[in-house]
Protein backbone atom coordinates (compact mmCIF):
# COMPACT_ATOMS: atom_id res chain seq x y z
CA UNK A 1 22.77 -10.81 -31.08
CA UNK A 2 19.74 -10.68 -28.84
CA UNK A 3 16.20 -10.43 -30.14
CA UNK A 4 14.11 -7.56 -28.74
CA UNK A 5 10.74 -8.43 -27.28
CA UNK A 6 7.65 -6.63 -26.12
CA UNK A 7 5.37 -7.42 -23.22
CA UNK A 8 1.69 -7.20 -23.97
CA UNK A 9 -0.34 -4.67 -22.05
CA UNK A 10 -1.88 -6.22 -18.94
CA UNK A 11 -5.59 -7.09 -19.20
CA UNK A 12 -6.53 -4.75 -16.38
CA UNK A 13 -6.51 -1.08 -15.52
CA UNK A 14 -5.51 0.62 -12.27
CA UNK A 15 -7.54 3.68 -11.28
CA UNK A 16 -6.25 5.90 -8.48
CA UNK A 17 -8.24 8.24 -6.29
CA UNK A 18 -8.03 9.97 -2.94
CA UNK A 19 -11.12 10.05 -0.74
CA UNK A 20 -12.20 13.15 1.18
CA UNK A 21 -10.48 11.98 4.40
CA UNK A 22 -7.17 11.31 2.62
CA UNK A 23 -7.56 7.56 2.09
CA UNK A 24 -5.79 6.44 -1.08
CA UNK A 25 -7.95 4.17 -3.22
CA UNK A 26 -6.68 1.84 -5.94
CA UNK A 27 -9.25 0.10 -8.12
CA UNK A 28 -7.81 -2.69 -10.23
CA UNK A 29 -10.37 -3.35 -12.95
CA UNK A 30 -10.16 -6.99 -14.04
CA UNK A 31 -13.10 -7.66 -16.37
CA UNK A 32 -11.77 -11.12 -17.26
CA UNK A 33 -12.11 -12.41 -13.68
CA UNK A 34 -15.13 -13.57 -11.71
CA UNK A 35 -14.18 -12.70 -8.13
CA UNK A 36 -13.38 -9.49 -6.33
CA UNK A 37 -11.11 -8.67 -3.43
CA UNK A 38 -11.08 -5.80 -0.96
CA UNK A 39 -7.88 -5.13 0.94
CA UNK A 40 -6.78 -2.41 3.31
CA UNK A 41 -3.08 -1.80 3.85
CA UNK A 42 -1.83 0.16 6.86
CA UNK A 43 1.65 1.53 7.47
CA UNK A 44 1.95 -0.28 10.77
CA UNK A 45 4.37 -3.07 11.60
CA UNK A 46 7.42 -3.89 13.65
CA UNK A 47 9.50 -1.38 11.67
CA UNK A 48 7.38 1.44 13.09
CA UNK A 49 7.83 0.30 16.69
CA UNK A 50 10.22 0.90 19.58
CA UNK A 51 11.60 -1.60 22.06
CA UNK A 52 8.69 -0.69 24.36
CA UNK A 53 5.99 -1.07 21.69
CA UNK A 54 7.52 -3.99 19.74
CA UNK A 55 4.74 -6.45 18.99
CA UNK A 56 1.92 -3.93 19.39
CA UNK A 57 1.10 -3.75 15.65
CA UNK A 58 0.65 -7.51 15.56
CA UNK A 59 -1.31 -7.49 18.82
CA UNK A 60 -3.59 -4.76 17.44
CA UNK A 61 -4.22 -6.78 14.28
CA UNK A 62 -5.47 -9.61 16.51
CA UNK A 63 -7.64 -7.26 18.56
CA UNK A 64 -9.41 -5.94 15.46
CA UNK A 65 -10.94 -9.40 14.97
CA UNK A 66 -12.87 -8.87 18.22
CA UNK A 67 -15.65 -6.88 16.58
CA UNK A 68 -16.82 -3.35 15.77
CA UNK A 69 -19.63 -0.94 16.56
CA UNK A 70 -22.12 -2.60 14.24
CA UNK A 71 -20.77 -6.12 14.84
CA UNK A 72 -20.01 -6.15 18.57
CA UNK A 73 -18.26 -9.53 18.85
CA UNK A 74 -15.79 -11.65 16.95
CA UNK A 75 -18.63 -14.04 16.10
CA UNK A 76 -20.88 -11.28 14.74
CA UNK A 77 -18.07 -9.78 12.68
CA UNK A 78 -16.94 -13.03 11.12
CA UNK A 79 -20.52 -14.21 10.55
CA UNK A 80 -21.36 -11.01 8.66
CA UNK A 81 -18.39 -11.53 6.35
CA UNK A 82 -18.91 -15.26 5.91
CA UNK A 83 -22.58 -14.75 5.02
CA UNK A 84 -21.30 -12.78 2.05
CA UNK A 85 -19.20 -15.77 1.02
CA UNK A 86 -15.90 -14.32 2.23
CA UNK A 87 -13.43 -14.66 5.07
CA UNK A 88 -11.56 -11.92 6.90
CA UNK A 89 -7.84 -12.48 6.38
CA UNK A 90 -5.19 -10.38 8.08
CA UNK A 91 -1.43 -10.38 8.58
CA UNK A 92 1.25 -8.16 10.06
CA UNK A 93 4.54 -7.55 8.30
CA UNK A 94 7.64 -5.66 9.24
CA UNK A 95 6.43 -2.53 7.47
CA UNK A 96 2.71 -3.05 6.96
CA UNK A 97 -0.51 -4.62 8.20
CA UNK A 98 -3.19 -5.85 5.81
CA UNK A 99 -6.83 -6.86 6.01
CA UNK A 100 -8.53 -8.61 3.12
CA UNK A 101 -11.90 -10.04 2.08
CA UNK A 102 -12.43 -11.91 -1.21
CA UNK A 103 -16.03 -11.84 -2.41
CA UNK A 104 -18.39 -12.14 -5.32
CA UNK A 105 -18.31 -8.80 -7.18
CA UNK A 106 -21.94 -8.08 -6.25
CA UNK A 107 -20.99 -8.18 -2.54
CA UNK A 108 -18.12 -5.68 -2.69
CA UNK A 109 -20.23 -2.77 -1.42
CA UNK A 110 -21.25 -4.78 1.66
CA UNK A 111 -17.66 -5.87 2.23
CA UNK A 112 -16.57 -2.24 2.14
CA UNK A 113 -19.28 -1.33 4.64
CA UNK A 114 -18.07 -3.97 7.09
CA UNK A 115 -14.43 -2.91 6.83
CA UNK A 116 -15.39 0.74 7.09
CA UNK A 117 -17.26 0.06 10.31
CA UNK A 118 -14.39 -2.01 11.69
CA UNK A 119 -11.78 0.70 11.09
CA UNK A 120 -13.96 3.55 12.32
CA UNK A 121 -15.35 1.92 15.48
CA UNK A 122 -13.35 -1.16 16.56
CA UNK A 123 -14.70 -2.89 19.66
CA UNK A 124 -11.35 -4.00 21.15
CA UNK A 125 -13.07 -6.52 23.43
CA UNK A 126 -11.66 -9.51 25.31
CA UNK A 127 -8.07 -8.31 25.44
CA UNK A 128 -6.97 -10.95 27.95
CA UNK A 129 -8.47 -13.72 25.84
CA UNK A 130 -6.75 -12.45 22.70
CA UNK A 131 -3.50 -12.12 24.65
CA UNK A 132 -3.60 -15.87 25.34
CA UNK A 133 -3.90 -16.55 21.61
CA UNK A 134 -0.96 -14.29 20.73
CA UNK A 135 1.16 -15.93 23.42
CA UNK A 136 0.44 -19.31 21.87
CA UNK A 137 1.64 -17.94 18.54
CA UNK A 138 4.86 -16.68 20.11
CA UNK A 139 5.47 -20.07 21.73
CA UNK A 140 5.73 -21.59 18.25
CA UNK A 141 9.08 -19.80 17.94
CA UNK A 142 10.50 -20.80 21.33
CA UNK A 143 12.25 -23.94 22.45
CA UNK A 144 11.58 -25.74 25.72
CA UNK A 145 13.89 -23.29 27.51
CA UNK A 146 12.05 -20.23 26.23
CA UNK A 147 14.70 -19.18 23.69
CA UNK A 148 13.68 -17.81 20.30
CA UNK A 149 14.86 -20.30 17.67
CA UNK A 150 12.98 -18.76 14.74
CA UNK A 151 15.51 -18.51 11.93
CA UNK A 152 13.94 -15.36 10.49
CA UNK A 153 13.98 -13.51 13.80
CA UNK A 154 17.58 -14.51 14.46
CA UNK A 155 18.82 -13.56 11.01
CA UNK A 156 17.02 -10.20 10.92
CA UNK A 157 18.35 -9.31 14.33
CA UNK A 158 21.84 -10.01 13.11
CA UNK A 159 21.42 -8.12 9.84
CA UNK A 160 19.79 -5.00 11.29
CA UNK A 161 21.03 -4.92 14.86
CA UNK A 162 19.01 -2.55 17.06
CA UNK A 163 17.13 -1.03 14.13
CA UNK A 164 13.38 -1.87 14.14
CA UNK A 165 13.83 -3.96 10.99
CA UNK A 166 15.58 -6.41 13.31
CA UNK A 167 12.66 -6.66 15.73
CA UNK A 168 10.50 -9.78 15.80
CA UNK A 169 7.06 -9.08 14.35
CA UNK A 170 5.23 -10.66 17.29
CA UNK A 171 7.40 -8.83 19.81
CA UNK A 172 8.90 -10.29 23.00
CA UNK A 173 6.69 -12.17 25.42
CA UNK A 174 7.19 -9.56 28.15
CA UNK A 175 5.68 -6.86 25.95
CA UNK A 176 2.66 -8.91 24.99
CA UNK A 177 1.97 -9.76 28.63
CA UNK A 178 1.78 -6.07 29.63
CA UNK A 179 0.00 -4.49 26.62
CA UNK A 180 -3.12 -2.74 27.90
CA UNK A 181 -6.31 -1.59 26.22
CA UNK A 182 -4.93 1.94 26.48
CA UNK A 183 -1.82 0.85 24.55
CA UNK A 184 -3.96 -0.73 21.83
CA UNK A 185 -6.16 2.34 21.43
CA UNK A 186 -3.15 4.68 21.34
CA UNK A 187 -1.48 2.59 18.64
CA UNK A 188 -4.71 2.54 16.66
CA UNK A 189 -5.04 6.32 16.86
CA UNK A 190 -1.43 6.80 15.80
CA UNK A 191 -1.38 4.49 12.78
CA UNK A 192 -4.94 3.78 11.64
CA UNK A 193 -5.80 7.15 10.12
CA UNK A 194 -6.96 7.36 6.50
CA UNK A 195 -3.81 9.23 5.44
CA UNK A 196 -1.75 6.25 6.61
CA UNK A 197 -3.75 3.63 4.69
CA UNK A 198 -4.22 2.37 1.15
CA UNK A 199 -7.44 0.67 0.09
CA UNK A 200 -7.15 -1.66 -2.91
CA UNK A 201 -10.16 -3.21 -4.63
CA UNK A 202 -9.74 -5.65 -7.52
CA UNK A 203 -12.32 -7.37 -9.68
CA UNK A 204 -14.72 -6.92 -12.60
CA UNK A 205 -15.83 -3.58 -11.18
CA UNK A 206 -16.33 0.00 -12.33
CA UNK A 207 -13.88 2.42 -10.73
CA UNK A 208 -16.53 5.12 -10.28
CA UNK A 209 -18.84 2.74 -8.41
CA UNK A 210 -16.03 1.51 -6.17
CA UNK A 211 -15.05 5.07 -5.35
CA UNK A 212 -18.63 5.98 -4.45
CA UNK A 213 -19.06 2.92 -2.23
CA UNK A 214 -15.66 3.36 -0.57
CA UNK A 215 -16.37 7.02 0.16
CA UNK A 216 -19.59 6.07 1.92
CA UNK A 217 -18.10 3.13 3.80
CA UNK A 218 -14.96 4.88 5.08
CA UNK A 219 -16.37 8.36 5.65
CA UNK A 220 -16.17 7.95 9.45
CA UNK A 221 -12.48 6.96 9.42
CA UNK A 222 -10.53 9.96 10.69
CA UNK A 223 -7.83 11.43 8.51
CA UNK A 224 -4.85 11.03 10.84
CA UNK A 225 -1.31 11.57 9.59
CA UNK A 226 1.10 9.78 7.27
CA UNK A 227 3.67 7.83 9.27
CA UNK A 228 7.21 7.36 8.04
CA UNK A 229 9.58 4.64 9.22
CA UNK A 230 13.04 5.19 10.57
CA UNK A 231 15.63 5.03 7.76
CA UNK A 232 17.48 1.72 7.55
CA UNK A 233 20.78 1.29 9.32
CA UNK A 234 23.19 -1.58 8.90
CA UNK A 235 24.41 -3.45 11.92
CA UNK A 236 27.18 -1.23 13.26
CA UNK A 237 29.97 -3.79 13.13
CA UNK A 238 31.95 -4.11 9.93
CA UNK A 239 32.96 -7.39 8.34
CA UNK A 240 31.28 -10.79 8.48
CA UNK A 241 28.88 -11.48 11.33
CA UNK A 242 27.76 -14.79 12.68
CA UNK A 243 25.08 -15.95 15.08
CA UNK A 244 24.40 -19.45 16.37
CA UNK A 245 21.52 -20.69 18.48
CA UNK A 246 21.78 -24.22 19.78
CA UNK A 247 18.65 -26.33 19.62
CA UNK A 248 18.09 -30.07 19.67
CA UNK A 249 17.34 -31.05 16.08
CA UNK A 250 18.40 -33.48 13.39
CA UNK A 251 19.26 -30.58 11.06
CA UNK A 252 20.76 -27.13 11.03
CA UNK A 253 18.70 -24.45 9.32
CA UNK A 254 20.86 -21.74 7.83
CA UNK A 255 20.25 -18.29 6.38
CA UNK A 256 22.89 -16.53 4.32
CA UNK A 257 21.93 -12.87 3.91
CA UNK A 258 23.30 -9.93 1.97
CA UNK A 259 22.10 -6.36 2.13
CA UNK A 260 20.82 -5.60 -1.35
CA UNK A 261 19.37 -2.86 -3.55
CA UNK A 262 16.03 -1.34 -2.45
CA UNK A 263 12.99 -1.20 -4.70
CA UNK A 264 13.62 2.43 -5.61
CA UNK A 265 17.16 1.78 -6.88
CA UNK A 266 17.60 1.88 -10.68
CA UNK A 267 19.36 -1.48 -10.49
CA UNK A 268 16.55 -3.22 -8.64
CA UNK A 269 15.02 -4.78 -11.77
CA UNK A 270 18.38 -6.25 -12.71
CA UNK A 271 18.76 -7.63 -9.19
CA UNK A 272 15.42 -9.40 -9.49
CA UNK A 273 16.54 -10.91 -12.77
CA UNK A 274 19.74 -12.06 -11.08
CA UNK A 275 17.70 -13.81 -8.38
CA UNK A 276 15.91 -15.72 -11.12
CA UNK A 277 19.25 -16.86 -12.50
CA UNK A 278 20.26 -17.99 -9.03
CA UNK A 279 17.07 -19.84 -8.12
CA UNK A 280 13.94 -20.32 -10.15
CA UNK A 281 13.65 -24.01 -10.78
CA UNK A 282 15.57 -27.22 -10.40
CA UNK A 283 17.91 -26.40 -13.29
CA UNK A 284 19.06 -23.08 -11.85
CA UNK A 285 22.36 -22.77 -10.06
CA UNK A 286 21.33 -22.94 -6.44
CA UNK A 287 19.29 -26.12 -6.52
CA UNK A 288 21.36 -27.85 -9.18
CA UNK A 289 24.69 -27.37 -7.41
CA UNK A 290 23.65 -27.60 -3.75
CA UNK A 291 21.08 -30.39 -4.03
CA UNK A 292 21.32 -32.21 -7.33
CA UNK A 293 25.10 -32.38 -7.75
CA UNK A 294 26.45 -32.25 -4.22
CA UNK A 295 23.61 -33.63 -2.10
CA UNK A 296 24.17 -31.02 0.61
CA UNK A 297 20.48 -30.35 1.23
CA UNK A 298 17.03 -31.60 0.32
CA UNK A 299 15.91 -28.10 -0.63
CA UNK A 300 17.44 -24.66 -0.85
CA UNK A 301 15.84 -21.35 -1.78
CA UNK A 302 17.06 -17.95 -2.88
CA UNK A 303 14.80 -14.94 -2.49
CA UNK A 304 14.68 -11.18 -2.20
CA UNK A 305 13.00 -9.51 0.78
CA UNK A 306 12.61 -5.90 -0.29
CA UNK A 307 11.38 -2.54 0.96
CA UNK A 308 11.33 0.89 -0.62
CA UNK A 309 14.65 1.81 1.02
CA UNK A 310 16.32 -1.50 1.92
CA UNK A 311 16.47 -5.15 0.93
CA UNK A 312 17.94 -8.48 1.93
CA UNK A 313 19.01 -11.19 -0.49
CA UNK A 314 18.47 -14.47 1.31
CA UNK A 315 19.56 -18.06 0.78
CA UNK A 316 17.65 -20.43 3.04
CA UNK A 317 18.51 -24.10 3.49
CA UNK A 318 18.53 -26.94 6.00
CA UNK A 319 21.01 -29.77 6.22
CA UNK A 320 22.53 -32.29 8.58
CA UNK A 321 24.97 -30.69 11.01
CA UNK A 322 28.06 -32.22 9.42
CA UNK A 323 27.22 -30.80 6.00
CA UNK A 324 26.80 -27.21 7.16
CA UNK A 325 30.39 -26.02 6.44
CA UNK A 326 30.28 -27.43 2.91
CA UNK A 327 26.83 -25.96 2.25
CA UNK A 328 27.80 -22.46 3.37
CA UNK A 329 31.12 -22.61 1.50
CA UNK A 330 29.44 -23.69 -1.73
CA UNK A 331 26.73 -21.04 -1.38
CA UNK A 332 29.21 -18.19 -0.84
CA UNK A 333 31.39 -19.40 -3.70
CA UNK A 334 28.39 -19.51 -6.02
CA UNK A 335 27.35 -15.98 -5.10
CA UNK A 336 30.93 -14.78 -5.44
CA UNK A 337 31.09 -15.99 -9.03
CA UNK A 338 28.45 -13.45 -9.99
CA UNK A 339 31.08 -10.76 -9.33
CA UNK A 340 33.55 -12.34 -11.72
CA UNK A 341 31.45 -13.93 -14.49
CA UNK A 342 28.77 -12.48 -16.71
CA UNK A 343 25.50 -14.35 -16.87
CA UNK A 344 25.36 -16.23 -20.14
CA UNK A 345 23.00 -15.35 -22.97
CA UNK A 346 20.99 -18.53 -22.50
CA UNK A 347 20.35 -17.82 -18.83
CA UNK A 348 19.55 -14.18 -19.57
CA UNK A 349 16.98 -15.19 -22.16
CA UNK A 350 15.48 -17.66 -19.72
CA UNK A 351 15.08 -14.88 -17.15
CA UNK A 352 13.31 -12.79 -19.79
CA UNK A 353 10.97 -15.68 -20.58
CA UNK A 354 10.17 -16.00 -16.89
CA UNK A 355 9.21 -12.35 -16.73
CA UNK A 356 6.93 -12.85 -19.71
CA UNK A 357 5.48 -15.95 -18.07
CA UNK A 358 4.76 -14.03 -14.89
CA UNK A 359 2.89 -11.39 -16.84
CA UNK A 360 0.80 -14.07 -18.54
CA UNK A 361 0.06 -15.84 -15.27
CA UNK A 362 -0.86 -12.59 -13.58
CA UNK A 363 -3.54 -11.97 -16.19
CA UNK A 364 -5.22 -15.25 -15.23
CA UNK A 365 -4.88 -15.03 -11.45
CA UNK A 366 -7.66 -14.36 -9.03
CA UNK A 367 -8.71 -10.87 -8.07
CA UNK A 368 -7.18 -11.46 -4.63
CA UNK A 369 -3.73 -12.05 -6.06
CA UNK A 370 -4.07 -9.15 -8.48
CA UNK A 371 -5.11 -6.98 -5.56
CA UNK A 372 -2.18 -8.21 -3.53
CA UNK A 373 0.23 -7.06 -6.19
CA UNK A 374 -1.55 -3.77 -6.65
CA UNK A 375 -1.67 -2.84 -2.99
CA UNK A 376 1.22 -4.77 -1.54
CA UNK A 377 3.48 -1.75 -1.33
CA UNK A 378 1.43 0.27 1.11
CA UNK A 379 3.85 -0.62 3.85
CA UNK A 380 6.86 0.82 2.12
CA UNK A 381 7.62 4.30 0.89
CA UNK A 382 5.15 5.20 -1.85
CA UNK A 383 2.20 2.80 -2.09
CA UNK A 384 1.16 4.28 -5.42
CA UNK A 385 4.53 3.51 -7.01
CA UNK A 386 4.70 0.02 -5.61
CA UNK A 387 1.04 -0.51 -6.50
CA UNK A 388 1.59 0.29 -10.15
CA UNK A 389 4.72 -1.83 -10.32
CA UNK A 390 3.16 -4.69 -8.45
CA UNK A 391 0.14 -4.76 -10.70
CA UNK A 392 2.50 -5.38 -13.61
CA UNK A 393 5.19 -7.37 -11.84
CA UNK A 394 5.78 -10.85 -10.57
CA UNK A 395 5.72 -10.86 -6.81
CA UNK A 396 4.94 -13.60 -4.38
CA UNK A 397 1.27 -13.77 -3.38
CA UNK A 398 0.38 -12.36 0.01
CA UNK A 399 -0.94 -15.65 1.32
CA UNK A 400 2.41 -17.37 0.88
CA UNK A 401 4.56 -16.29 3.79
CA UNK A 402 7.66 -18.08 2.53
CA UNK A 403 9.50 -16.33 -0.26
CA UNK A 404 9.19 -18.16 -3.55
CA UNK A 405 12.27 -18.79 -5.69
CA UNK A 406 13.21 -15.74 -7.68
CA UNK A 407 10.39 -13.68 -6.24
CA UNK A 408 10.07 -10.62 -4.09
CA UNK A 409 9.00 -11.64 -0.63
CA UNK A 410 6.95 -9.22 1.40
CA UNK A 411 4.92 -9.63 4.52
CA UNK A 412 5.74 -11.92 7.37
CA UNK A 413 8.61 -14.27 6.97
CA UNK A 414 7.73 -17.92 7.25
CA UNK A 415 6.96 -18.92 10.81
CA UNK A 416 7.00 -22.70 10.49
CA UNK A 417 8.61 -24.68 13.27
CA UNK A 418 12.29 -23.81 13.19
CA UNK A 419 15.07 -25.86 14.72
CA UNK A 420 18.15 -23.95 13.65
CA UNK A 421 18.99 -20.50 12.35
CA UNK A 422 21.74 -19.11 10.17
CA UNK A 423 22.38 -15.78 8.52
CA UNK A 424 24.89 -13.98 6.40
CA UNK A 425 24.67 -10.35 5.37
CA UNK A 426 26.78 -7.82 3.53
CA UNK A 427 26.27 -4.80 1.36
CA UNK A 428 25.58 -5.72 -2.22
CA UNK A 429 28.81 -4.10 -3.44
CA UNK A 430 31.06 -5.40 -0.69
CA UNK A 431 32.82 -8.63 0.07
CA UNK A 432 31.88 -8.50 3.73
CA UNK A 433 29.31 -10.99 4.94
CA UNK A 434 27.29 -11.70 8.03
CA UNK A 435 26.34 -15.20 9.08
CA UNK A 436 24.11 -16.63 11.74
CA UNK A 437 23.22 -20.25 12.20
CA UNK A 438 22.02 -22.55 14.91
CA UNK A 439 22.62 -26.22 15.43
């Protein structure tokens, strides 16, 4: 017999509003915290691109750091923010771009003014200089022969095929080399309208005051139109798929991927609980079997990369080349057992305790992390739905680009130096799988 439990109400409130130009505003009132965070989410990322424009969302994010009408250089823009005690942080994901400043609550109005000026009158200066910086970032994913050996790019390409979800976020080098100022401005006009954005502000703030200040700061941002991504499509081939990229390295990095339930599916919450059973600590199945008992890898991680209409369940590991067959075999066997065996009561209760722990931790986190959970869904289907769920859920913080065990991973996949790639993907209800690895 299981004991029912109740989760306490979160120590914050989420107020929703829509500004006169169509900008959605979420104010997460956290009176128990001492910092505030302002974050703007835009439905712009590699999922919204074509083969010709792939990489332009990321390139545009870089170009926005080059200044605005009131702050006409990158130095002036960053100095204005840093004099308030904050730093402009930005990232591009597959289905969103975000821009964030964390400040003292008394400086929120000024932070809103700076962001409002940036998104109403970007300077877009020094494009050739910024291009050099983006190229350096792309080179991190290439080997000495110019081949992409980023495990995330390889695995997503295999899982999604020619669909934009399979595009690299930074785009191919040839695109970045030819992007013009005209391309940047056109992309900005298409995606950076108020109707295509969500502004989230978290901290010990009054919702009415935030709304007033946001209305004044973003009044010059044009309305634009809501952009919708192309529906997900699985890689056209049926059955298991495999991809290998050879690269000189002491280890093989492998991804095993399965297409999974999207965030809007009624079974999504259960899937997240299942991920916690698989990997959320050294005593859970993945680490205990792969590392502790069999010594197949130093570390292994299971995570869920989700969108409003699609998801990938991922197992990520690295091992010596000779151990790769055993590691993949053990991983697939472990996942297969979930189809045949019910999760025990003890493990189920542990997953429940972890949910309760996440709620408790969330109540003590910084305004930036609370904001991240409240606005993190702007890239997907309905930012209001994901905002409300994120404000009460346990999701990985936006600053951590690698998915944490048992957590929902959003934003850019980890872009650390990669030597080998591997992927496996199948529908969540099917026995088919797709693998890609490099050695």
